[in-house]
Every structure is written in structure tokens, then in C-alpha cells.
N, C-alpha and C. Protein backbone atom coordinates (compact mmCIF):
# COMPACT_ATOMS: atom_id res chain seq x y z
N UNK A 1 23.63 10.45 -15.81
CA UNK A 1 23.11 9.02 -15.79
C UNK A 1 24.57 8.35 -15.66
N UNK A 2 24.29 6.87 -14.58
CA UNK A 2 25.97 6.08 -14.75
C UNK A 2 25.91 5.80 -15.65
N UNK A 3 26.94 5.16 -16.44
CA UNK A 3 27.64 4.05 -17.32
C UNK A 3 27.25 2.78 -17.05
N UNK A 4 26.66 1.54 -17.73
CA UNK A 4 26.85 0.29 -17.25
C UNK A 4 28.44 -0.05 -16.73
N UNK A 5 29.00 0.29 -17.58
CA UNK A 5 30.06 0.16 -16.65
C UNK A 5 30.83 0.59 -15.21
N UNK A 6 30.21 1.51 -15.08
CA UNK A 6 30.48 2.27 -13.53
C UNK A 6 29.44 1.49 -12.69
N UNK A 7 28.27 1.32 -13.27
CA UNK A 7 27.16 0.54 -12.54
C UNK A 7 27.68 -1.07 -11.96
N UNK A 8 28.89 -1.78 -12.53
CA UNK A 8 29.14 -2.88 -11.93
C UNK A 8 30.47 -3.27 -11.13
N UNK A 9 30.65 -1.67 -11.16
CA UNK A 9 32.11 -1.58 -9.74
C UNK A 9 31.83 -0.80 -8.71
N UNK A 10 31.65 -1.54 -7.74
CA UNK A 10 31.31 -0.88 -6.46
C UNK A 10 31.66 0.02 -6.16
N UNK A 11 33.12 0.24 -5.92
CA UNK A 11 33.92 1.80 -5.11
C UNK A 11 33.76 2.59 -6.37
N UNK A 12 33.89 2.43 -7.71
CA UNK A 12 33.44 2.97 -8.37
C UNK A 12 32.19 3.95 -8.43
N UNK A 13 31.31 3.14 -8.74
CA UNK A 13 29.67 3.29 -8.33
C UNK A 13 29.72 4.68 -7.38
N UNK A 14 30.19 4.00 -5.93
CA UNK A 14 30.26 4.88 -4.93
C UNK A 14 30.35 6.10 -4.93
N UNK A 15 32.10 6.33 -5.70
CA UNK A 15 32.71 7.69 -5.95
C UNK A 15 31.85 8.31 -6.66
N UNK A 16 31.38 7.96 -7.89
CA UNK A 16 30.52 8.64 -8.96
C UNK A 16 29.32 9.00 -8.63
N UNK A 17 28.98 8.54 -7.34
CA UNK A 17 27.41 8.80 -6.62
C UNK A 17 27.91 10.03 -6.26
N UNK A 18 28.53 10.31 -5.43
CA UNK A 18 29.71 10.89 -4.46
C UNK A 18 29.62 12.27 -5.15
N UNK A 19 30.49 12.03 -5.91
CA UNK A 19 30.95 13.21 -7.07
C UNK A 19 29.31 14.05 -7.59
N UNK A 20 28.71 13.32 -8.05
CA UNK A 20 27.45 13.69 -8.75
C UNK A 20 26.71 14.68 -7.29
N UNK A 21 27.10 13.97 -6.24
CA UNK A 21 25.95 14.97 -5.09
C UNK A 21 26.79 16.30 -4.73
N UNK A 22 28.16 15.73 -5.41
CA UNK A 22 28.41 17.13 -4.80
C UNK A 22 28.69 18.14 -5.81
N UNK A 23 28.46 18.01 -7.11
CA UNK A 23 28.11 18.89 -8.09
C UNK A 23 26.96 19.31 -8.32
N UNK A 24 25.80 19.04 -7.58
CA UNK A 24 24.55 18.94 -7.70
C UNK A 24 24.38 19.83 -6.61
N UNK A 25 24.74 19.52 -5.27
CA UNK A 25 24.91 20.65 -3.90
C UNK A 25 25.92 21.17 -3.86
N UNK A 26 26.43 21.77 -4.84
CA UNK A 26 28.05 22.70 -4.78
C UNK A 26 28.86 22.25 -3.55
N UNK A 27 28.88 20.77 -2.99
CA UNK A 27 29.76 20.79 -2.32
C UNK A 27 29.22 21.25 -0.79
N UNK A 28 27.79 21.28 -0.57
CA UNK A 28 27.27 21.53 0.73
C UNK A 28 26.61 20.47 1.62
N UNK A 29 27.30 19.46 0.98
CA UNK A 29 26.78 18.55 2.00
C UNK A 29 28.32 18.08 2.61
N UNK A 30 28.35 17.98 4.18
CA UNK A 30 30.07 18.04 4.49
C UNK A 30 29.47 16.48 5.12
N UNK A 31 30.83 16.06 5.02
CA UNK A 31 31.27 14.65 5.45
C UNK A 31 30.53 13.78 4.48
N UNK A 32 30.56 13.65 3.17
CA UNK A 32 29.87 12.82 2.61
C UNK A 32 30.17 11.69 2.24
N UNK A 33 29.79 10.39 2.80
CA UNK A 33 30.20 8.99 2.06
C UNK A 33 28.77 8.55 1.95
N UNK A 34 29.61 7.18 0.38
CA UNK A 34 28.29 7.14 -0.26
C UNK A 34 29.17 5.73 0.02
N UNK A 35 28.06 4.31 0.64
CA UNK A 35 28.73 3.12 0.40
C UNK A 35 27.44 2.35 -0.33
N UNK A 36 28.47 1.59 -1.15
CA UNK A 36 27.48 0.51 -1.79
C UNK A 36 27.91 -0.83 -1.26
N UNK A 37 26.52 -0.92 -0.80
CA UNK A 37 26.46 -2.79 -0.36
C UNK A 37 25.63 -3.49 -1.35
N UNK A 38 25.99 -4.95 -1.38
CA UNK A 38 24.94 -5.45 -2.31
C UNK A 38 24.44 -5.00 -3.54
N UNK A 39 23.14 -5.15 -2.78
CA UNK A 39 22.30 -3.79 -4.33
C UNK A 39 21.69 -2.80 -3.25
N UNK A 40 22.55 -1.97 -2.50
CA UNK A 40 21.72 -1.07 -2.11
C UNK A 40 23.07 0.10 -1.88
N UNK A 41 22.48 1.18 -1.82
CA UNK A 41 23.48 2.46 -1.93
C UNK A 41 22.76 3.43 -0.33
N UNK A 42 23.73 3.57 0.16
CA UNK A 42 23.68 4.51 1.30
C UNK A 42 24.33 5.40 1.46
N UNK A 43 23.79 6.73 1.42
CA UNK A 43 24.03 8.20 1.40
C UNK A 43 24.36 8.94 3.17
N UNK A 44 25.00 9.46 3.47
CA UNK A 44 25.59 9.99 4.65
C UNK A 44 25.85 11.04 4.71
N UNK A 45 25.58 12.13 5.90
CA UNK A 45 26.15 13.69 5.35
C UNK A 45 25.46 14.39 6.25
N UNK A 46 26.13 15.75 6.18
CA UNK A 46 24.90 16.66 7.07
C UNK A 46 25.29 18.08 6.27
N UNK A 47 24.00 18.50 6.36
CA UNK A 47 24.11 20.33 5.52
C UNK A 47 23.49 20.52 6.67
N UNK A 48 23.50 22.40 5.99
CA UNK A 48 22.42 23.02 6.51
C UNK A 48 21.38 23.53 6.55
N UNK A 49 20.56 23.15 5.24
CA UNK A 49 19.11 23.24 5.05
C UNK A 49 18.26 21.81 4.35
N UNK A 50 17.29 21.69 4.45
CA UNK A 50 16.40 20.88 3.95
C UNK A 50 16.35 20.96 2.53
N UNK A 51 16.91 21.95 2.24
CA UNK A 51 16.36 22.25 0.60
C UNK A 51 17.85 21.56 -0.11
N UNK A 52 18.87 21.74 0.70
CA UNK A 52 20.30 20.52 -0.03
C UNK A 52 20.15 19.31 -0.04
N UNK A 53 19.40 18.97 1.33
CA UNK A 53 19.24 17.40 1.58
C UNK A 53 18.49 16.75 0.42
N UNK A 54 17.66 17.90 -0.25
CA UNK A 54 16.46 17.50 -1.15
C UNK A 54 17.27 17.41 -2.65
N UNK A 55 18.07 18.01 -2.59
CA UNK A 55 19.41 18.14 -3.64
C UNK A 55 20.04 17.14 -4.02
N UNK A 56 20.41 16.69 -3.04
CA UNK A 56 21.53 15.13 -2.62
C UNK A 56 20.46 14.25 -3.24
N UNK A 57 19.41 13.90 -2.63
CA UNK A 57 18.08 13.02 -3.22
C UNK A 57 18.07 12.92 -4.49
N UNK A 58 17.97 14.02 -5.20
CA UNK A 58 17.06 14.37 -6.13
C UNK A 58 19.08 13.94 -7.55
N UNK A 59 19.99 14.37 -6.40
CA UNK A 59 21.05 13.94 -7.51
C UNK A 59 21.33 12.50 -7.60
N UNK A 60 21.29 11.72 -6.48
CA UNK A 60 21.45 10.19 -6.63
C UNK A 60 20.32 9.80 -7.31
N UNK A 61 19.00 10.35 -7.65
CA UNK A 61 18.09 9.66 -8.53
C UNK A 61 18.58 9.93 -10.07
N UNK A 62 19.10 11.36 -10.00
CA UNK A 62 19.59 11.47 -11.62
C UNK A 62 20.58 10.66 -11.76
N UNK A 63 21.56 9.93 -10.96
CA UNK A 63 22.96 9.56 -11.01
C UNK A 63 22.43 7.95 -11.88
N UNK A 64 21.39 7.87 -10.93
CA UNK A 64 20.79 6.35 -12.14
C UNK A 64 20.08 5.84 -12.82
N UNK A 65 18.92 7.17 -13.29
CA UNK A 65 18.03 7.42 -14.06
C UNK A 65 16.48 6.84 -13.40
N UNK A 66 16.00 6.93 -14.29
CA UNK A 66 14.30 6.25 -14.09
C UNK A 66 14.10 4.22 -13.76
N UNK A 67 15.39 4.18 -14.53
CA UNK A 67 15.07 2.65 -14.50
C UNK A 67 16.23 1.96 -13.42
N UNK A 68 17.55 2.48 -13.33
CA UNK A 68 17.95 1.92 -12.47
C UNK A 68 18.65 2.21 -11.09
N UNK A 69 17.40 2.97 -10.42
CA UNK A 69 17.69 2.87 -9.34
C UNK A 69 17.12 1.66 -7.96
N UNK A 70 18.63 1.83 -7.36
CA UNK A 70 18.50 0.30 -6.37
C UNK A 70 17.73 1.02 -4.98
N UNK A 71 17.80 0.08 -4.42
CA UNK A 71 17.38 0.60 -2.88
C UNK A 71 18.71 1.75 -2.49
N UNK A 72 17.86 2.77 -1.51
CA UNK A 72 18.70 3.65 -1.10
C UNK A 72 18.58 4.33 -0.09
N UNK A 73 19.54 4.22 1.16
CA UNK A 73 19.45 4.84 2.27
C UNK A 73 19.59 5.79 2.25
N UNK A 74 19.12 6.67 2.54
CA UNK A 74 19.24 8.27 2.67
C UNK A 74 19.56 8.81 4.15
N UNK A 75 21.08 9.21 4.82
CA UNK A 75 20.97 9.71 5.93
C UNK A 75 21.90 10.72 6.05
N UNK A 76 21.22 12.14 5.68
CA UNK A 76 21.71 13.38 5.79
C UNK A 76 20.81 14.12 6.54
N UNK A 77 21.48 14.51 7.81
CA UNK A 77 21.28 14.83 8.86
C UNK A 77 21.57 17.02 8.81
N UNK A 78 20.53 17.68 8.57
CA UNK A 78 20.04 18.85 8.78
C UNK A 78 20.33 19.70 10.06
N UNK A 79 21.30 20.29 10.44
CA UNK A 79 21.57 21.34 11.45
C UNK A 79 22.79 22.21 11.02
N UNK A 80 22.83 23.50 11.80
CA UNK A 80 23.70 24.41 11.42
C UNK A 80 24.82 24.25 11.76
N UNK A 81 26.01 24.54 11.51
CA UNK A 81 27.31 24.81 11.24
C UNK A 81 27.96 25.10 12.63
């Protein structure tokens, strides 16, 4: 779960969520980008399976915890390499 200090820094927040997704998916999301805009988090990338996409979604939820999840836009395309 992210700390309150990280939650208040937009760039730091994006980097921390990106690291959490990378760890949870073992780096299997290519071209991973996490952008924090206003009160929304946008996650983009490409992966080979829907399973890895689901792991990435779960990683975002885990990063914020049950009460702190802002609106999230997930755009992870599933396609073969």
C-alpha cells in the first residue's frame, strides 16, 4: 500500500504504481506507462495474456489499498509479441 507521502506527489505516485505493477507482473507488461492526472490514474501497456492484464489491475488496487483507490483508467492491450 502506498504511504500518504507518496500519494501527494504526482510523479512519485506514478513511479511507485509502475514499480508495483512491474513487480506483481514480473515485468511482463511492455511499454508500461502510469500517468497521474488530477485525481485519476491512467495505466497503459501491452502484454501477451489476459492473466497478466488482470495481475496489473490487481497490482493497482493493492497499491492504493481498499479505501484510497482513485478513478483508474486501464488501457493494457493484450497481443502476442
